[in-house]
N, C-alpha and C. Protein backbone atom coordinates (compact mmCIF):
# COMPACT_ATOMS: atom_id res chain seq x y z
N GLN A 1 -2.03 -0.06 5.53
CA GLN A 1 -1.57 1.31 4.83
C GLN A 1 -0.63 1.44 4.05
N VAL A 2 -0.70 2.40 3.03
CA VAL A 2 -0.23 2.58 1.96
C VAL A 2 0.58 4.07 1.62
N SER A 3 1.41 4.36 2.01
CA SER A 3 1.99 5.58 1.71
C SER A 3 2.92 5.92 0.35
N LEU A 4 2.58 6.94 -0.38
CA LEU A 4 3.37 6.84 -1.41
C LEU A 4 4.07 8.39 -1.81
N VAL A 5 5.50 8.06 -2.38
CA VAL A 5 6.17 9.13 -2.38
C VAL A 5 7.22 9.21 -3.63
N GLU A 6 6.58 10.53 -4.44
CA GLU A 6 7.42 10.63 -5.77
C GLU A 6 8.59 11.33 -5.57
N SER A 7 9.29 11.31 -6.83
CA SER A 7 10.41 12.20 -6.91
C SER A 7 10.74 12.03 -8.49
N GLY A 8 11.66 12.79 -8.81
CA GLY A 8 12.44 12.81 -10.27
C GLY A 8 11.72 14.06 -11.03
N GLY A 9 10.89 14.38 -10.70
CA GLY A 9 9.92 15.57 -11.69
C GLY A 9 11.23 16.50 -11.94
N GLY A 10 11.16 17.72 -12.54
CA GLY A 10 11.94 18.48 -12.81
C GLY A 10 11.28 19.38 -14.33
N LEU A 11 12.71 20.27 -14.70
CA LEU A 11 12.49 21.01 -15.88
C LEU A 11 13.39 20.07 -16.92
N VAL A 12 13.19 19.93 -18.34
CA VAL A 12 14.00 19.28 -19.30
C VAL A 12 13.38 19.93 -20.50
N GLN A 13 14.45 20.07 -21.44
CA GLN A 13 14.25 20.33 -22.92
C GLN A 13 13.39 19.58 -23.74
N ALA A 14 12.79 20.31 -24.64
CA ALA A 14 12.29 18.83 -25.58
C ALA A 14 12.79 18.20 -26.02
N GLY A 15 12.74 16.78 -26.44
CA GLY A 15 13.57 15.62 -26.51
C GLY A 15 14.39 14.83 -25.61
N GLY A 16 13.99 15.32 -24.28
CA GLY A 16 15.15 14.84 -23.17
C GLY A 16 14.49 13.91 -22.32
N SER A 17 15.06 13.56 -21.39
CA SER A 17 14.60 12.28 -20.40
C SER A 17 14.34 12.49 -19.01
N LEU A 18 13.15 11.96 -18.79
CA LEU A 18 13.50 12.10 -17.30
C LEU A 18 12.82 10.74 -16.52
N ARG A 19 13.21 10.10 -15.49
CA ARG A 19 12.82 9.41 -14.68
C ARG A 19 12.22 9.14 -13.31
N LEU A 20 10.59 9.28 -13.21
CA LEU A 20 9.89 9.38 -11.98
C LEU A 20 10.07 8.15 -11.35
N SER A 21 10.05 8.34 -10.02
CA SER A 21 9.78 7.69 -8.95
C SER A 21 8.90 7.47 -7.65
N CYS A 22 8.32 6.40 -7.65
CA CYS A 22 7.31 6.37 -6.60
C CYS A 22 7.79 5.05 -5.44
N ALA A 23 8.41 5.53 -3.97
CA ALA A 23 8.29 4.70 -3.36
C ALA A 23 7.36 4.41 -2.79
N VAL A 24 7.00 3.26 -2.56
CA VAL A 24 5.85 2.73 -1.95
C VAL A 24 6.43 2.16 -0.54
N SER A 25 5.17 2.61 0.72
CA SER A 25 5.47 2.28 2.19
C SER A 25 4.48 0.82 2.16
N GLY A 26 5.03 -0.16 2.75
CA GLY A 26 4.24 -1.55 2.54
C GLY A 26 4.59 -2.33 1.27
N SER A 27 4.50 -3.67 1.26
CA SER A 27 5.06 -4.52 0.45
C SER A 27 4.00 -4.09 -1.09
N ILE A 28 4.64 -3.93 -2.07
CA ILE A 28 3.94 -3.66 -3.18
C ILE A 28 3.36 -5.20 -4.34
N PHE A 29 3.62 -6.35 -3.10
CA PHE A 29 3.47 -7.39 -3.55
C PHE A 29 1.54 -7.56 -3.32
N ASN A 30 1.20 -7.18 -2.19
CA ASN A 30 -0.03 -7.04 -1.81
C ASN A 30 -1.28 -5.71 -2.44
N LEU A 31 -1.00 -5.27 -3.77
CA LEU A 31 -1.38 -4.66 -4.53
C LEU A 31 -2.13 -4.82 -5.71
N ASN A 32 -3.12 -4.29 -5.97
CA ASN A 32 -3.88 -4.38 -7.09
C ASN A 32 -3.32 -3.82 -8.68
N SER A 33 -2.98 -2.83 -8.81
CA SER A 33 -2.41 -1.99 -9.55
C SER A 33 -1.61 -1.07 -9.31
N MET A 34 -0.49 -0.45 -10.04
CA MET A 34 -0.33 0.79 -10.00
C MET A 34 0.06 1.44 -11.37
N GLY A 35 -0.07 2.70 -11.10
CA GLY A 35 -0.08 3.77 -12.15
C GLY A 35 0.42 5.04 -12.19
N TRP A 36 0.71 5.77 -13.26
CA TRP A 36 1.04 7.01 -13.31
C TRP A 36 0.17 7.64 -13.75
N TYR A 37 -0.44 9.07 -13.57
CA TYR A 37 -1.64 9.83 -13.84
C TYR A 37 -0.71 11.65 -13.83
N ARG A 38 -0.92 11.99 -14.54
CA ARG A 38 -0.62 13.15 -14.85
C ARG A 38 -2.00 14.40 -15.03
N GLN A 39 -1.77 15.62 -14.64
CA GLN A 39 -2.70 16.62 -14.65
C GLN A 39 -2.16 18.04 -14.68
N ALA A 40 -2.18 18.42 -16.42
CA ALA A 40 -1.99 19.78 -16.70
C ALA A 40 -2.97 20.78 -16.18
N PRO A 41 -2.50 21.98 -16.47
CA PRO A 41 -3.00 23.17 -15.67
C PRO A 41 -4.43 23.24 -16.88
N GLY A 42 -5.70 23.15 -16.01
CA GLY A 42 -7.02 23.68 -16.47
C GLY A 42 -7.38 21.84 -17.30
N SER A 43 -6.90 20.96 -17.19
CA SER A 43 -7.27 19.82 -17.56
C SER A 43 -7.41 18.70 -16.27
N GLN A 44 -8.05 17.61 -16.70
CA GLN A 44 -8.63 16.79 -15.83
C GLN A 44 -7.40 15.60 -15.55
N ARG A 45 -7.69 14.79 -14.49
CA ARG A 45 -6.31 14.03 -14.38
C ARG A 45 -6.62 12.62 -15.35
N GLU A 46 -5.22 12.52 -15.58
CA GLU A 46 -5.25 11.59 -16.67
C GLU A 46 -4.61 10.32 -16.31
N LEU A 47 -4.90 9.17 -17.16
CA LEU A 47 -3.93 7.92 -16.90
C LEU A 47 -2.69 7.95 -18.08
N VAL A 48 -1.39 7.82 -17.43
CA VAL A 48 -0.20 7.93 -18.29
C VAL A 48 -0.21 6.36 -18.61
N ALA A 49 0.48 5.51 -17.74
CA ALA A 49 0.96 4.39 -17.66
C ALA A 49 0.39 3.45 -16.41
N ARG A 50 -0.17 2.27 -17.02
CA ARG A 50 -0.40 1.42 -15.37
C ARG A 50 -0.24 0.01 -15.45
N LEU A 51 0.60 -0.73 -14.53
CA LEU A 51 1.12 -1.68 -14.27
C LEU A 51 -0.08 -2.77 -13.61
N THR A 52 -0.25 -4.26 -13.72
CA THR A 52 -1.45 -4.77 -13.05
C THR A 52 -0.24 -5.67 -12.18
N SER A 53 -0.84 -6.00 -11.25
CA SER A 53 0.15 -7.12 -10.37
C SER A 53 -0.04 -8.14 -11.22
N SER A 54 -0.31 -8.58 -12.27
CA SER A 54 0.03 -10.23 -13.08
C SER A 54 1.25 -9.62 -14.39
N GLY A 55 1.01 -8.46 -14.04
CA GLY A 55 2.30 -7.69 -15.11
C GLY A 55 1.93 -7.04 -16.12
N GLY A 56 0.65 -6.98 -16.83
CA GLY A 56 0.20 -6.28 -17.94
C GLY A 56 0.21 -4.50 -17.69
N THR A 57 0.65 -4.23 -19.10
CA THR A 57 0.66 -2.51 -18.79
C THR A 57 -0.46 -2.11 -19.80
N ASN A 58 -0.86 -0.90 -19.37
CA ASN A 58 -1.63 0.17 -20.16
C ASN A 58 -0.60 1.45 -20.58
N TYR A 59 -0.95 1.73 -21.48
CA TYR A 59 -0.49 3.57 -21.54
C TYR A 59 -1.19 4.38 -22.53
N ALA A 60 -1.41 5.36 -22.19
CA ALA A 60 -2.20 6.51 -22.85
C ALA A 60 -1.56 6.72 -24.27
N SER A 61 -2.18 6.53 -25.54
CA SER A 61 -2.11 6.76 -26.29
C SER A 61 -0.76 7.43 -26.93
N SER A 62 -0.88 8.75 -26.43
CA SER A 62 0.03 9.98 -26.36
C SER A 62 1.20 9.76 -25.90
N VAL A 63 1.49 8.66 -24.90
CA VAL A 63 2.94 8.12 -24.49
C VAL A 63 3.65 6.99 -25.17
N LYS A 64 2.61 6.47 -25.77
CA LYS A 64 3.09 4.84 -26.13
C LYS A 64 3.88 4.92 -26.89
N GLY A 65 5.09 4.20 -26.68
CA GLY A 65 6.45 4.22 -27.55
C GLY A 65 7.46 4.90 -26.82
N ARG A 66 7.31 5.84 -25.79
CA ARG A 66 8.15 6.97 -25.33
C ARG A 66 7.81 6.75 -23.75
N PHE A 67 7.32 6.33 -23.00
CA PHE A 67 7.05 6.43 -21.57
C PHE A 67 7.16 4.69 -21.36
N THR A 68 7.79 4.30 -20.39
CA THR A 68 7.44 2.79 -19.85
C THR A 68 7.38 2.48 -18.49
N ILE A 69 6.63 2.00 -17.85
CA ILE A 69 6.41 1.86 -16.43
C ILE A 69 7.22 0.55 -15.86
N SER A 70 7.69 0.46 -14.80
CA SER A 70 8.42 -0.35 -14.26
C SER A 70 8.18 -0.69 -12.55
N ARG A 71 8.56 -1.49 -12.18
CA ARG A 71 8.24 -1.73 -10.61
C ARG A 71 10.05 -2.09 -9.95
N ASP A 72 10.38 -2.44 -9.39
CA ASP A 72 11.25 -2.99 -8.44
C ASP A 72 11.15 -3.56 -7.00
N ASN A 73 10.24 -4.46 -7.04
CA ASN A 73 9.91 -4.97 -5.63
C ASN A 73 10.56 -4.95 -4.64
N GLY A 74 12.04 -5.38 -4.73
CA GLY A 74 13.18 -5.19 -3.82
C GLY A 74 13.04 -3.94 -3.12
N LYS A 75 12.83 -2.97 -3.87
CA LYS A 75 12.89 -1.59 -3.36
C LYS A 75 11.58 -0.84 -3.16
N ASN A 76 10.60 -1.35 -3.37
CA ASN A 76 9.27 -1.32 -3.16
C ASN A 76 8.80 0.11 -3.90
N THR A 77 9.27 0.09 -5.09
CA THR A 77 9.30 1.14 -6.20
C THR A 77 8.70 1.24 -7.62
N VAL A 78 7.84 2.07 -8.08
CA VAL A 78 7.36 1.98 -9.07
C VAL A 78 8.14 2.95 -10.15
N TYR A 79 8.70 2.93 -11.56
CA TYR A 79 9.05 4.29 -12.07
C TYR A 79 8.62 4.30 -13.23
N LEU A 80 8.78 5.62 -13.92
CA LEU A 80 8.17 5.91 -14.75
C LEU A 80 9.43 6.43 -15.71
N GLN A 81 9.75 5.87 -16.72
CA GLN A 81 11.15 6.59 -17.53
C GLN A 81 10.33 6.81 -19.01
N MET A 82 10.72 8.21 -19.02
CA MET A 82 9.96 8.97 -19.86
C MET A 82 11.00 9.43 -20.99
N ASN A 83 10.93 9.21 -21.93
CA ASN A 83 11.88 9.83 -22.93
C ASN A 83 11.35 10.41 -24.31
N SER A 84 12.04 11.24 -25.11
CA SER A 84 11.66 12.11 -25.97
C SER A 84 10.07 12.75 -26.03
N LEU A 85 10.70 13.59 -24.71
CA LEU A 85 9.74 14.57 -23.50
C LEU A 85 9.33 15.66 -24.92
N LYS A 86 8.01 15.76 -24.54
CA LYS A 86 7.60 16.94 -25.63
C LYS A 86 6.89 18.21 -24.52
N PRO A 87 6.50 19.46 -24.86
CA PRO A 87 5.59 20.22 -24.04
C PRO A 87 4.91 20.03 -23.57
N GLU A 88 4.20 19.31 -24.43
CA GLU A 88 2.72 18.67 -24.10
C GLU A 88 2.44 17.90 -22.95
N ASP A 89 3.71 17.29 -22.34
CA ASP A 89 4.02 16.30 -21.28
C ASP A 89 4.06 17.00 -20.19
N THR A 90 3.94 18.21 -20.35
CA THR A 90 3.95 19.13 -19.15
C THR A 90 3.03 19.07 -18.30
N ALA A 91 2.94 18.67 -16.82
CA ALA A 91 1.84 18.25 -16.17
C ALA A 91 2.42 17.92 -14.29
N VAL A 92 1.96 17.94 -13.61
CA VAL A 92 1.71 17.30 -12.33
C VAL A 92 1.83 15.92 -12.66
N TYR A 93 2.79 14.98 -12.62
CA TYR A 93 2.39 13.53 -12.47
C TYR A 93 2.34 13.32 -10.74
N TYR A 94 1.30 11.93 -10.69
CA TYR A 94 0.81 11.48 -9.84
C TYR A 94 0.79 10.10 -9.25
N CYS A 95 1.37 9.39 -8.58
CA CYS A 95 1.61 7.84 -8.57
C CYS A 95 0.47 7.72 -7.82
N ARG A 96 -0.21 6.29 -8.36
CA ARG A 96 -1.52 5.38 -7.96
C ARG A 96 -1.38 4.16 -7.28
N VAL A 97 -2.02 3.80 -6.27
CA VAL A 97 -1.85 2.26 -6.45
C VAL A 97 -3.07 1.68 -5.53
N VAL A 98 -3.35 0.79 -6.18
CA VAL A 98 -5.26 0.20 -5.61
C VAL A 98 -4.56 -1.08 -4.57
N ASP A 99 -4.98 -1.14 -3.76
CA ASP A 99 -4.82 -2.24 -3.05
C ASP A 99 -6.12 -3.31 -3.04
N LEU A 100 -5.79 -4.84 -3.19
CA LEU A 100 -6.50 -5.73 -2.68
C LEU A 100 -7.79 -5.64 -2.57
N ASN A 101 -8.23 -4.74 -1.52
CA ASN A 101 -9.53 -4.30 -1.35
C ASN A 101 -9.91 -2.92 -2.42
N PHE A 102 -9.38 -2.88 -3.37
CA PHE A 102 -9.40 -1.44 -4.13
C PHE A 102 -10.04 -0.26 -3.72
N VAL A 103 -8.82 -0.11 -2.75
CA VAL A 103 -8.79 1.27 -2.23
C VAL A 103 -7.73 2.01 -2.70
N LEU A 104 -7.50 3.28 -3.32
CA LEU A 104 -6.63 3.82 -3.99
C LEU A 104 -5.67 4.74 -2.88
N TYR A 105 -4.55 4.80 -3.21
CA TYR A 105 -3.55 5.72 -2.85
C TYR A 105 -2.93 6.54 -3.76
N TRP A 106 -2.67 7.96 -3.42
CA TRP A 106 -2.41 8.78 -4.43
C TRP A 106 -0.99 9.05 -3.53
N GLY A 107 0.05 9.52 -4.60
CA GLY A 107 1.16 10.64 -4.14
C GLY A 107 0.48 11.96 -3.73
N GLN A 108 1.94 12.82 -3.78
CA GLN A 108 1.77 13.99 -3.86
C GLN A 108 1.55 15.09 -5.01
N GLY A 109 2.17 14.10 -5.64
CA GLY A 109 2.66 14.62 -7.10
C GLY A 109 4.13 15.39 -6.97
N THR A 110 4.48 15.31 -8.26
CA THR A 110 6.00 15.84 -8.78
C THR A 110 5.83 16.76 -10.56
N GLN A 111 6.34 17.92 -10.12
CA GLN A 111 6.17 18.65 -11.23
C GLN A 111 7.29 18.34 -12.56
N VAL A 112 6.81 18.17 -13.73
CA VAL A 112 7.52 17.78 -14.91
C VAL A 112 7.11 18.72 -15.85
N THR A 113 8.25 19.71 -16.20
CA THR A 113 8.06 20.73 -16.66
C THR A 113 8.95 20.45 -18.14
N VAL A 114 8.34 20.55 -19.81
CA VAL A 114 9.09 20.50 -20.82
C VAL A 114 9.14 22.01 -21.53
N SER A 115 10.51 22.23 -21.82
CA SER A 115 10.57 23.49 -22.65
C SER A 115 10.92 23.12 -24.14
N SER A 116 10.38 24.13 -24.29
CA SER A 116 10.30 23.81 -26.47
C SER A 116 11.59 24.25 -26.65
């Protein structure tokens, strides 16, 4: 079993930065991929960034060059560093991991609000 707890969201002005953390219970060595998704009001949940077990990354075009996904195996934590934030980045951000059996696990979400 895997459980996820996100933190680091909050209110920030446009152009500012935030770092989201996702603490993963259980070893993240045994995961297929880890990622961050977001959902704005009235919109579908969308991929923000994804990190595969082999170290490959995928980013939404809207965040490429501004956001960075990373992991700390020692702390069993996945991070999302968000720089140059824009009002359109406002959303609830969710951590998601996929285990080796392709079972998906989601965190509870953390609110990010960017003011103009």
